[in-house]
Every structure is written in structure tokens, then in C-alpha cells.
């Protein structure tokens, strides 16, 4: 276990992976980073590691704000969301990090939903069996930043998936896409009204 700065998680993981390879170790090197450290501050090192296809399993914990430093907007914050730095609502759309990762042609990228346990576990197991750069993004409510009830977190994710706000899919080698859970027509308002950030 190594703690790194926001910007360097993928770079440190690259070093750990290469040292492990030199020493003949086969243990997976995993990164657990937030959206700020992935979409913004760390995007250069994430992109570099993906471009080189480093043998890293990268988890992005996406709560759509800078949750550690006061709830500021990140490029993962959806359009219209109020944060401490966008009190009238963010005017830009959320960055499509999955499209960026797919453009790197990495072996595997997927979105994870805690409301869809079997799909979640299957994807993590699959990613553990693949070599090269793997990218998994997990939407995760921040009750403080989302102004939502903690006990409703899993239900919020389910509503995000069912409304199409958070697509659940996977991408193989940047070329082949598979939708894992299809939206069912649930109104986006049902998702938004459970939070006071919109």
C-alpha cells in the first residue's frame, strides 16, 4: 500500500508495477483514486500510463466533486450541479473519461454500479485476469456534496443507471462496446429530485 499525491497515483503505480515485474512478482497493482485525481489533477499521468499500457488496474471513485477539499466542482461534475465553486450550477458538461480511456485502446474499461452487484463483481474479476492498463469507474454518491441521504446511496445509483444518467457498459481494446444494463425509461427527475445539488 502506497499513499501518493493526487496527480501521481498512476505514475507511482507504474513504478510499483515495473519493480514487481523485475522481481518476478505477479501481484496486481491497483490504484484507487477520485475523480479529481483522475479527470483533472492526475489526467496526465493516467493518460501516460494508459498510452504505455502499463499493467495497472485503475479504480476511479467518482463522486463528481472534490470531496476532500470542500466540495468544489471537478470536470466530472455534471452540468447544472451546484458546488462550493459553482453555486449557480456548473455550466460545462461532465468530461467523458470512458471515451478518453477507450481512445487509448487499453485492454479493458468499464463502469461499475453498486446497485448491480453481479455485474460489478464480474467486471472486477475480468479486469483482474487481464494484463495491461484496465480502467474501472464507479459512481459513488457523496451525501454531503450531493445533499442526499446516506441510506439512499445505492438507490440513487440505481436511479442514475435506470434513467440513463450513468451508463453501465464495458469497452474491450477501445473498439468493442457492450452495454450491460439498459436504461428502463425512468425519468431523470426521479434521480435529480433525491438530491439538493440540482
Protein backbone atom coordinates (compact mmCIF):
# COMPACT_ATOMS: atom_id res chain seq x y z
CA UNK A 1 0.00 0.00 0.00
CA UNK A 2 1.38 3.39 -1.01
CA UNK A 3 -0.19 6.82 -0.50
CA UNK A 4 0.54 9.32 -3.26
CA UNK A 5 -0.29 12.87 -4.21
CA UNK A 6 -3.44 13.36 -6.30
CA UNK A 7 -1.51 13.90 -9.50
CA UNK A 8 0.90 11.00 -9.25
CA UNK A 9 -1.15 7.89 -8.48
CA UNK A 10 -0.79 6.36 -11.97
CA UNK A 11 2.92 7.27 -12.12
CA UNK A 12 3.62 5.65 -8.73
CA UNK A 13 1.60 2.59 -9.77
CA UNK A 14 3.70 2.38 -12.93
CA UNK A 15 6.86 2.26 -10.83
CA UNK A 16 5.44 -0.35 -8.49
CA UNK A 17 4.31 -2.49 -11.42
CA UNK A 18 7.71 -2.33 -13.12
CA UNK A 19 9.59 -3.13 -9.91
CA UNK A 20 7.27 -6.08 -9.30
CA UNK A 21 7.90 -7.32 -12.84
CA UNK A 22 11.69 -7.03 -12.39
CA UNK A 23 11.40 -9.01 -9.14
CA UNK A 24 9.29 -11.69 -10.79
CA UNK A 25 6.13 -10.84 -8.86
CA UNK A 26 2.73 -11.30 -10.43
CA UNK A 27 0.54 -9.44 -7.91
CA UNK A 28 -1.76 -6.85 -9.48
CA UNK A 29 -1.00 -3.19 -8.85
CA UNK A 30 -4.21 -1.29 -8.16
CA UNK A 31 -4.95 2.40 -7.95
CA UNK A 32 -7.90 3.81 -6.02
CA UNK A 33 -8.36 7.48 -6.92
CA UNK A 34 -11.17 10.01 -7.01
CA UNK A 35 -12.49 11.94 -9.94
CA UNK A 36 -10.36 14.99 -9.10
CA UNK A 37 -7.20 12.89 -9.14
CA UNK A 38 -8.30 11.13 -12.33
CA UNK A 39 -10.30 13.53 -14.51
CA UNK A 40 -8.35 16.67 -13.56
CA UNK A 41 -5.16 16.81 -11.49
CA UNK A 42 -3.93 13.33 -12.47
CA UNK A 43 -5.17 13.11 -16.06
CA UNK A 44 -1.65 13.47 -17.49
CA UNK A 45 -0.24 10.51 -15.56
CA UNK A 46 -3.39 8.44 -16.15
CA UNK A 47 -3.16 9.12 -19.89
CA UNK A 48 0.57 8.36 -19.97
CA UNK A 49 0.14 5.04 -18.15
CA UNK A 50 -2.78 4.11 -20.41
CA UNK A 51 -0.86 5.07 -23.57
CA UNK A 52 2.05 2.84 -22.48
CA UNK A 53 -0.43 0.11 -21.48
CA UNK A 54 1.15 -0.24 -18.05
CA UNK A 55 -0.01 -3.29 -16.11
CA UNK A 56 -2.26 -1.41 -13.68
CA UNK A 57 -5.84 -1.88 -12.51
CA UNK A 58 -7.14 1.66 -12.01
CA UNK A 59 -10.32 2.31 -10.00
CA UNK A 60 -11.83 5.79 -10.20
CA UNK A 61 -14.14 6.60 -7.32
CA UNK A 62 -16.31 9.25 -8.98
CA UNK A 63 -18.36 11.35 -6.57
CA UNK A 64 -18.48 14.18 -9.13
CA UNK A 65 -16.83 16.79 -6.85
CA UNK A 66 -13.64 17.46 -4.93
CA UNK A 67 -14.98 15.77 -1.82
CA UNK A 68 -11.77 16.02 0.27
CA UNK A 69 -11.28 19.77 -0.04
CA UNK A 70 -14.66 21.43 0.31
CA UNK A 71 -16.91 20.17 -2.46
CA UNK A 72 -15.56 22.18 -5.39
CA UNK A 73 -16.52 21.36 -8.99
CA UNK A 74 -14.39 18.93 -10.97
CA UNK A 75 -14.56 18.16 -14.66
CA UNK A 76 -16.59 15.10 -13.55
CA UNK A 77 -19.30 17.36 -12.09
CA UNK A 78 -22.41 17.22 -14.28
CA UNK A 79 -23.82 20.32 -15.93
CA UNK A 80 -26.22 22.26 -13.71
CA UNK A 81 -24.88 20.93 -10.40
CA UNK A 82 -24.31 23.40 -7.60
CA UNK A 83 -20.97 23.07 -5.79
CA UNK A 84 -18.98 25.34 -3.47
CA UNK A 85 -17.34 26.93 -6.54
CA UNK A 86 -20.41 26.83 -8.82
CA UNK A 87 -23.25 27.95 -6.53
CA UNK A 88 -25.48 28.77 -9.53
CA UNK A 89 -24.73 25.44 -11.19
CA UNK A 90 -21.85 24.26 -13.35
CA UNK A 91 -22.19 25.43 -16.95
CA UNK A 92 -19.99 22.76 -18.58
CA UNK A 93 -20.88 19.14 -19.24
CA UNK A 94 -19.18 16.25 -17.44
CA UNK A 95 -15.96 15.03 -19.06
CA UNK A 96 -16.37 11.67 -20.80
CA UNK A 97 -13.44 9.86 -19.20
CA UNK A 98 -14.56 6.49 -20.55
CA UNK A 99 -14.30 7.81 -24.12
CA UNK A 100 -10.82 9.13 -23.34
CA UNK A 101 -9.75 5.75 -21.98
CA UNK A 102 -11.28 3.94 -24.97
CA UNK A 103 -9.33 6.26 -27.29
CA UNK A 104 -6.13 4.93 -25.68
CA UNK A 105 -7.14 1.43 -26.86
CA UNK A 106 -6.50 -0.04 -23.42
CA UNK A 107 -7.42 -3.72 -22.97
CA UNK A 108 -10.40 -3.06 -20.71
CA UNK A 109 -12.51 -0.17 -19.42
CA UNK A 110 -15.84 -0.43 -17.63
CA UNK A 111 -18.33 1.41 -15.47
CA UNK A 112 -19.40 -0.13 -12.16
CA UNK A 113 -22.73 0.20 -10.36
CA UNK A 114 -23.06 -0.76 -6.69
CA UNK A 115 -26.76 -1.28 -7.43
CA UNK A 116 -25.85 -4.11 -9.84
CA UNK A 117 -23.71 -6.37 -7.66
CA UNK A 118 -23.30 -9.35 -10.00
CA UNK A 119 -22.22 -7.14 -12.91
CA UNK A 120 -19.83 -5.28 -10.60
CA UNK A 121 -18.17 -8.46 -9.34
CA UNK A 122 -17.96 -9.98 -12.83
CA UNK A 123 -16.18 -6.90 -14.18
CA UNK A 124 -13.66 -6.74 -11.34
CA UNK A 125 -12.87 -10.45 -11.75
CA UNK A 126 -12.49 -10.00 -15.50
CA UNK A 127 -10.21 -6.98 -15.02
CA UNK A 128 -8.04 -8.94 -12.57
CA UNK A 129 -7.47 -11.59 -15.27
CA UNK A 130 -6.38 -9.12 -17.96
CA UNK A 131 -2.86 -7.70 -18.38
CA UNK A 132 -2.19 -4.10 -19.29
CA UNK A 133 -3.98 -0.92 -18.28
CA UNK A 134 -7.51 -1.50 -17.01
CA UNK A 135 -9.82 1.36 -16.04
CA UNK A 136 -12.92 0.98 -13.86
CA UNK A 137 -15.08 3.96 -12.89
CA UNK A 138 -17.51 3.72 -10.00
CA UNK A 139 -20.18 6.40 -9.50
CA UNK A 140 -20.48 6.96 -5.76
CA UNK A 141 -22.73 9.48 -4.01
CA UNK A 142 -21.19 11.91 -1.56
CA UNK A 143 -24.10 12.69 0.79
CA UNK A 144 -22.50 15.98 1.86
CA UNK A 145 -21.75 17.19 -1.67
CA UNK A 146 -24.83 15.69 -3.30
CA UNK A 147 -27.05 16.89 -0.45
CA UNK A 148 -28.61 13.45 -0.31
CA UNK A 149 -29.43 10.95 2.40
CA UNK A 150 -26.64 8.39 3.08
CA UNK A 151 -29.07 5.47 3.33
CA UNK A 152 -30.34 6.25 -0.19
CA UNK A 153 -26.92 5.96 -1.88
CA UNK A 154 -27.46 2.58 -3.55
CA UNK A 155 -30.96 3.61 -4.65
CA UNK A 156 -29.51 6.82 -6.13
CA UNK A 157 -27.07 4.80 -8.21
CA UNK A 158 -29.90 2.54 -9.37
CA UNK A 159 -31.89 5.62 -10.45
CA UNK A 160 -28.83 7.03 -12.23
CA UNK A 161 -28.50 3.79 -14.20
CA UNK A 162 -32.22 3.32 -14.88
CA UNK A 163 -32.58 6.92 -16.11
CA UNK A 164 -29.52 6.70 -18.36
CA UNK A 165 -27.59 9.32 -16.37
CA UNK A 166 -24.88 6.75 -15.61
CA UNK A 167 -24.48 4.17 -18.37
CA UNK A 168 -23.27 0.72 -17.32
CA UNK A 169 -21.06 -0.69 -20.06
CA UNK A 170 -17.63 -2.07 -20.86
CA UNK A 171 -15.12 -1.48 -23.64
CA UNK A 172 -12.63 -4.06 -24.91
CA UNK A 173 -9.41 -2.83 -26.59
CA UNK A 174 -11.06 0.53 -27.18
CA UNK A 175 -13.04 -0.97 -30.06
CA UNK A 176 -15.82 -3.25 -28.86
CA UNK A 177 -18.52 -1.83 -26.59
CA UNK A 178 -21.06 -3.84 -24.60
CA UNK A 179 -23.99 -2.30 -22.72
CA UNK A 180 -24.55 -4.27 -19.51
CA UNK A 181 -27.64 -2.61 -18.06
CA UNK A 182 -30.09 -0.78 -20.29
CA UNK A 183 -31.99 2.27 -19.04
CA UNK A 184 -35.66 1.49 -18.46
CA UNK A 185 -37.16 4.92 -19.12
CA UNK A 186 -37.09 6.10 -15.51
CA UNK A 187 -37.41 9.88 -15.56
CA UNK A 188 -34.21 11.79 -14.84
CA UNK A 189 -36.22 13.96 -12.47
CA UNK A 190 -36.63 10.96 -10.13
CA UNK A 191 -32.84 10.83 -9.82
CA UNK A 192 -32.33 14.61 -9.52
CA UNK A 193 -35.11 15.25 -7.01
CA UNK A 194 -33.46 12.96 -4.42
CA UNK A 195 -30.53 15.40 -4.23
CA UNK A 196 -30.44 19.12 -3.47
CA UNK A 197 -27.43 19.85 -5.68
CA UNK A 198 -29.52 20.36 -8.84
